[in-house]
Amino acid sequence: MCVSYWRTRSQVTLLNFMITQEGLADQLLGVVVAQEMPELEEQRQQLVGCGLRAARTCGSLALSTLCAYACLCQSSVHKEQL
């Protein structure tokens, strides 16, 4: 994997650890699972990645929809219909 991925992951992990007790528990559980059941940890990482991609896609679609609506509101055709 690229260096920026690991740098970002370590920053997010550090932030997660610093913010909540639950974050620390999740990190410790992840370490244990990675040692005891590496295939399960790999599956978890894939699911997290899928969730992040889905959230990014959703945000992109929402932004596109808002931009299209803003253009529609500014068009003279729409104003004439009102």
N, C-alpha and C. Protein backbone atom coordinates (compact mmCIF):
# COMPACT_ATOMS: atom_id res chain seq x y z
N MET A 1 0.83 -1.17 0.00
CA MET A 1 0.00 0.00 0.00
C MET A 1 0.89 1.25 0.00
N CYS A 2 0.32 2.34 -0.39
CA CYS A 2 1.10 3.56 -0.49
C CYS A 2 1.37 4.16 0.89
N VAL A 3 2.38 4.98 0.95
CA VAL A 3 2.80 5.59 2.20
C VAL A 3 1.70 6.49 2.78
N SER A 4 1.01 7.23 1.92
CA SER A 4 -0.02 8.14 2.43
C SER A 4 -1.15 7.38 3.12
N TYR A 5 -1.46 6.16 2.64
CA TYR A 5 -2.50 5.35 3.29
C TYR A 5 -2.11 5.06 4.73
N TRP A 6 -0.89 4.60 4.93
CA TRP A 6 -0.44 4.25 6.28
C TRP A 6 -0.31 5.47 7.16
N ARG A 7 0.13 6.58 6.60
CA ARG A 7 0.22 7.81 7.39
C ARG A 7 -1.17 8.25 7.83
N THR A 8 -2.13 8.23 6.90
CA THR A 8 -3.50 8.60 7.23
C THR A 8 -4.09 7.64 8.25
N ARG A 9 -3.85 6.36 8.04
CA ARG A 9 -4.39 5.36 8.97
C ARG A 9 -3.82 5.57 10.37
N SER A 10 -2.53 5.85 10.46
CA SER A 10 -1.94 6.06 11.78
C SER A 10 -2.46 7.33 12.43
N GLN A 11 -2.71 8.37 11.63
CA GLN A 11 -3.26 9.60 12.19
C GLN A 11 -4.68 9.38 12.68
N VAL A 12 -5.48 8.67 11.91
CA VAL A 12 -6.86 8.38 12.31
C VAL A 12 -6.86 7.50 13.55
N THR A 13 -5.98 6.50 13.58
CA THR A 13 -5.89 5.63 14.74
C THR A 13 -5.50 6.42 15.98
N LEU A 14 -4.54 7.29 15.86
CA LEU A 14 -4.11 8.10 16.98
C LEU A 14 -5.25 9.00 17.44
N LEU A 15 -5.93 9.62 16.52
CA LEU A 15 -7.06 10.48 16.85
C LEU A 15 -8.15 9.68 17.53
N ASN A 16 -8.46 8.51 17.01
CA ASN A 16 -9.48 7.65 17.59
C ASN A 16 -9.11 7.29 19.02
N PHE A 17 -7.86 6.99 19.26
CA PHE A 17 -7.37 6.63 20.59
C PHE A 17 -7.50 7.81 21.54
N MET A 18 -7.20 8.99 21.05
CA MET A 18 -7.17 10.16 21.92
C MET A 18 -8.57 10.66 22.26
N ILE A 19 -9.56 10.39 21.44
CA ILE A 19 -10.87 11.00 21.64
C ILE A 19 -11.73 10.24 22.65
N THR A 20 -11.85 8.94 22.53
CA THR A 20 -12.81 8.23 23.37
C THR A 20 -12.24 6.94 23.95
N GLN A 21 -12.83 6.52 25.04
CA GLN A 21 -12.50 5.24 25.65
C GLN A 21 -12.93 4.12 24.70
N GLU A 22 -14.05 4.32 24.04
CA GLU A 22 -14.54 3.33 23.08
C GLU A 22 -13.56 3.15 21.93
N GLY A 23 -12.95 4.24 21.49
CA GLY A 23 -11.94 4.16 20.44
C GLY A 23 -10.75 3.32 20.85
N LEU A 24 -10.32 3.48 22.10
CA LEU A 24 -9.22 2.68 22.62
C LEU A 24 -9.62 1.20 22.66
N ALA A 25 -10.82 0.92 23.13
CA ALA A 25 -11.29 -0.47 23.18
C ALA A 25 -11.35 -1.08 21.78
N ASP A 26 -11.82 -0.32 20.80
CA ASP A 26 -11.87 -0.80 19.41
C ASP A 26 -10.47 -1.10 18.88
N GLN A 27 -9.53 -0.21 19.19
CA GLN A 27 -8.16 -0.42 18.74
C GLN A 27 -7.58 -1.69 19.34
N LEU A 28 -7.74 -1.85 20.64
CA LEU A 28 -7.20 -3.03 21.31
C LEU A 28 -7.84 -4.31 20.78
N LEU A 29 -9.14 -4.27 20.57
CA LEU A 29 -9.83 -5.42 20.01
C LEU A 29 -9.30 -5.73 18.61
N GLY A 30 -9.07 -4.69 17.82
CA GLY A 30 -8.52 -4.89 16.48
C GLY A 30 -7.15 -5.54 16.49
N VAL A 31 -6.32 -5.15 17.45
CA VAL A 31 -4.99 -5.75 17.57
C VAL A 31 -5.11 -7.23 17.93
N VAL A 32 -5.98 -7.55 18.88
CA VAL A 32 -6.17 -8.94 19.30
C VAL A 32 -6.72 -9.77 18.15
N VAL A 33 -7.72 -9.26 17.47
CA VAL A 33 -8.33 -9.99 16.36
C VAL A 33 -7.31 -10.20 15.24
N ALA A 34 -6.51 -9.18 14.96
CA ALA A 34 -5.49 -9.30 13.91
C ALA A 34 -4.49 -10.40 14.24
N GLN A 35 -4.17 -10.57 15.51
CA GLN A 35 -3.23 -11.61 15.93
C GLN A 35 -3.87 -12.99 15.92
N GLU A 36 -5.09 -13.07 16.44
CA GLU A 36 -5.74 -14.36 16.62
C GLU A 36 -6.45 -14.86 15.36
N MET A 37 -7.06 -13.94 14.63
CA MET A 37 -7.85 -14.32 13.45
C MET A 37 -7.60 -13.31 12.33
N PRO A 38 -6.45 -13.40 11.66
CA PRO A 38 -6.10 -12.39 10.66
C PRO A 38 -7.10 -12.31 9.50
N GLU A 39 -7.72 -13.42 9.14
CA GLU A 39 -8.70 -13.38 8.04
C GLU A 39 -9.92 -12.56 8.42
N LEU A 40 -10.32 -12.61 9.70
CA LEU A 40 -11.45 -11.81 10.16
C LEU A 40 -11.09 -10.33 10.17
N GLU A 41 -9.88 -10.01 10.56
CA GLU A 41 -9.44 -8.61 10.55
C GLU A 41 -9.38 -8.09 9.11
N GLU A 42 -8.93 -8.91 8.18
CA GLU A 42 -8.90 -8.52 6.76
C GLU A 42 -10.32 -8.24 6.25
N GLN A 43 -11.24 -9.09 6.64
CA GLN A 43 -12.64 -8.90 6.23
C GLN A 43 -13.20 -7.60 6.83
N ARG A 44 -12.86 -7.32 8.08
CA ARG A 44 -13.31 -6.08 8.72
C ARG A 44 -12.77 -4.86 7.99
N GLN A 45 -11.49 -4.92 7.62
CA GLN A 45 -10.89 -3.80 6.89
C GLN A 45 -11.56 -3.59 5.54
N GLN A 46 -11.91 -4.68 4.88
CA GLN A 46 -12.61 -4.57 3.60
C GLN A 46 -13.99 -3.94 3.78
N LEU A 47 -14.69 -4.34 4.84
CA LEU A 47 -16.01 -3.77 5.10
C LEU A 47 -15.93 -2.29 5.45
N VAL A 48 -14.93 -1.93 6.22
CA VAL A 48 -14.74 -0.51 6.55
C VAL A 48 -14.47 0.28 5.26
N GLY A 49 -13.63 -0.28 4.39
CA GLY A 49 -13.35 0.38 3.11
C GLY A 49 -14.59 0.54 2.26
N CYS A 50 -15.43 -0.49 2.23
CA CYS A 50 -16.69 -0.41 1.47
C CYS A 50 -17.60 0.68 2.05
N GLY A 51 -17.65 0.75 3.38
CA GLY A 51 -18.47 1.78 4.02
C GLY A 51 -17.97 3.17 3.69
N LEU A 52 -16.67 3.36 3.69
CA LEU A 52 -16.10 4.66 3.37
C LEU A 52 -16.38 5.05 1.92
N ARG A 53 -16.23 4.07 1.02
CA ARG A 53 -16.52 4.36 -0.40
C ARG A 53 -18.00 4.69 -0.59
N ALA A 54 -18.88 3.99 0.11
CA ALA A 54 -20.32 4.26 0.00
C ALA A 54 -20.65 5.65 0.53
N ALA A 55 -20.04 6.03 1.64
CA ALA A 55 -20.27 7.37 2.20
C ALA A 55 -19.76 8.45 1.26
N ARG A 56 -18.60 8.21 0.64
CA ARG A 56 -18.04 9.18 -0.31
C ARG A 56 -18.96 9.31 -1.52
N THR A 57 -19.46 8.19 -2.02
CA THR A 57 -20.36 8.22 -3.17
C THR A 57 -21.66 8.94 -2.83
N CYS A 58 -22.18 8.67 -1.65
CA CYS A 58 -23.41 9.32 -1.20
C CYS A 58 -23.22 10.83 -1.11
N GLY A 59 -22.12 11.26 -0.54
CA GLY A 59 -21.83 12.68 -0.45
C GLY A 59 -21.69 13.33 -1.81
N SER A 60 -21.04 12.62 -2.73
CA SER A 60 -20.87 13.14 -4.08
C SER A 60 -22.22 13.27 -4.79
N LEU A 61 -23.07 12.27 -4.63
CA LEU A 61 -24.40 12.33 -5.24
C LEU A 61 -25.24 13.45 -4.64
N ALA A 62 -25.16 13.64 -3.33
CA ALA A 62 -25.91 14.72 -2.68
C ALA A 62 -25.44 16.07 -3.20
N LEU A 63 -24.14 16.25 -3.33
CA LEU A 63 -23.61 17.51 -3.84
C LEU A 63 -24.05 17.74 -5.28
N SER A 64 -24.01 16.70 -6.10
CA SER A 64 -24.45 16.83 -7.50
C SER A 64 -25.92 17.20 -7.57
N THR A 65 -26.73 16.59 -6.71
CA THR A 65 -28.16 16.89 -6.68
C THR A 65 -28.41 18.33 -6.27
N LEU A 66 -27.70 18.80 -5.24
CA LEU A 66 -27.87 20.18 -4.80
C LEU A 66 -27.43 21.17 -5.87
N CYS A 67 -26.34 20.86 -6.57
CA CYS A 67 -25.88 21.74 -7.65
C CYS A 67 -26.90 21.79 -8.78
N ALA A 68 -27.46 20.63 -9.13
CA ALA A 68 -28.46 20.60 -10.19
C ALA A 68 -29.70 21.38 -9.78
N TYR A 69 -30.10 21.26 -8.53
CA TYR A 69 -31.27 21.99 -8.04
C TYR A 69 -31.01 23.50 -8.03
N ALA A 70 -29.80 23.90 -7.63
CA ALA A 70 -29.46 25.31 -7.63
C ALA A 70 -29.49 25.89 -9.04
N CYS A 71 -29.00 25.13 -10.00
CA CYS A 71 -29.04 25.59 -11.39
C CYS A 71 -30.47 25.71 -11.89
N LEU A 72 -31.29 24.75 -11.49
CA LEU A 72 -32.70 24.77 -11.88
C LEU A 72 -33.40 25.99 -11.30
N CYS A 73 -33.11 26.29 -10.06
CA CYS A 73 -33.74 27.44 -9.40
C CYS A 73 -33.34 28.75 -10.04
N GLN A 74 -32.15 28.81 -10.59
CA GLN A 74 -31.67 30.04 -11.20
C GLN A 74 -32.09 30.19 -12.66
N SER A 75 -32.59 29.13 -13.24
CA SER A 75 -32.93 29.21 -14.67
C SER A 75 -34.19 30.03 -14.89
N SER A 76 -34.25 30.71 -15.97
CA SER A 76 -35.41 31.55 -16.27
C SER A 76 -36.64 30.70 -16.59
N VAL A 77 -36.45 29.51 -17.10
CA VAL A 77 -37.57 28.62 -17.41
C VAL A 77 -38.31 28.28 -16.12
N HIS A 78 -37.58 27.96 -15.09
CA HIS A 78 -38.20 27.63 -13.81
C HIS A 78 -38.93 28.83 -13.24
N LYS A 79 -38.37 30.03 -13.36
CA LYS A 79 -38.99 31.23 -12.83
C LYS A 79 -40.30 31.54 -13.57
N GLU A 80 -40.34 31.27 -14.85
CA GLU A 80 -41.55 31.50 -15.62
C GLU A 80 -42.67 30.54 -15.21
N GLN A 81 -42.29 29.32 -14.83
CA GLN A 81 -43.30 28.35 -14.43
C GLN A 81 -43.93 28.72 -13.10
N LEU A 82 -43.20 29.43 -12.26
CA LEU A 82 -43.76 29.86 -10.96
C LEU A 82 -44.80 30.92 -11.21
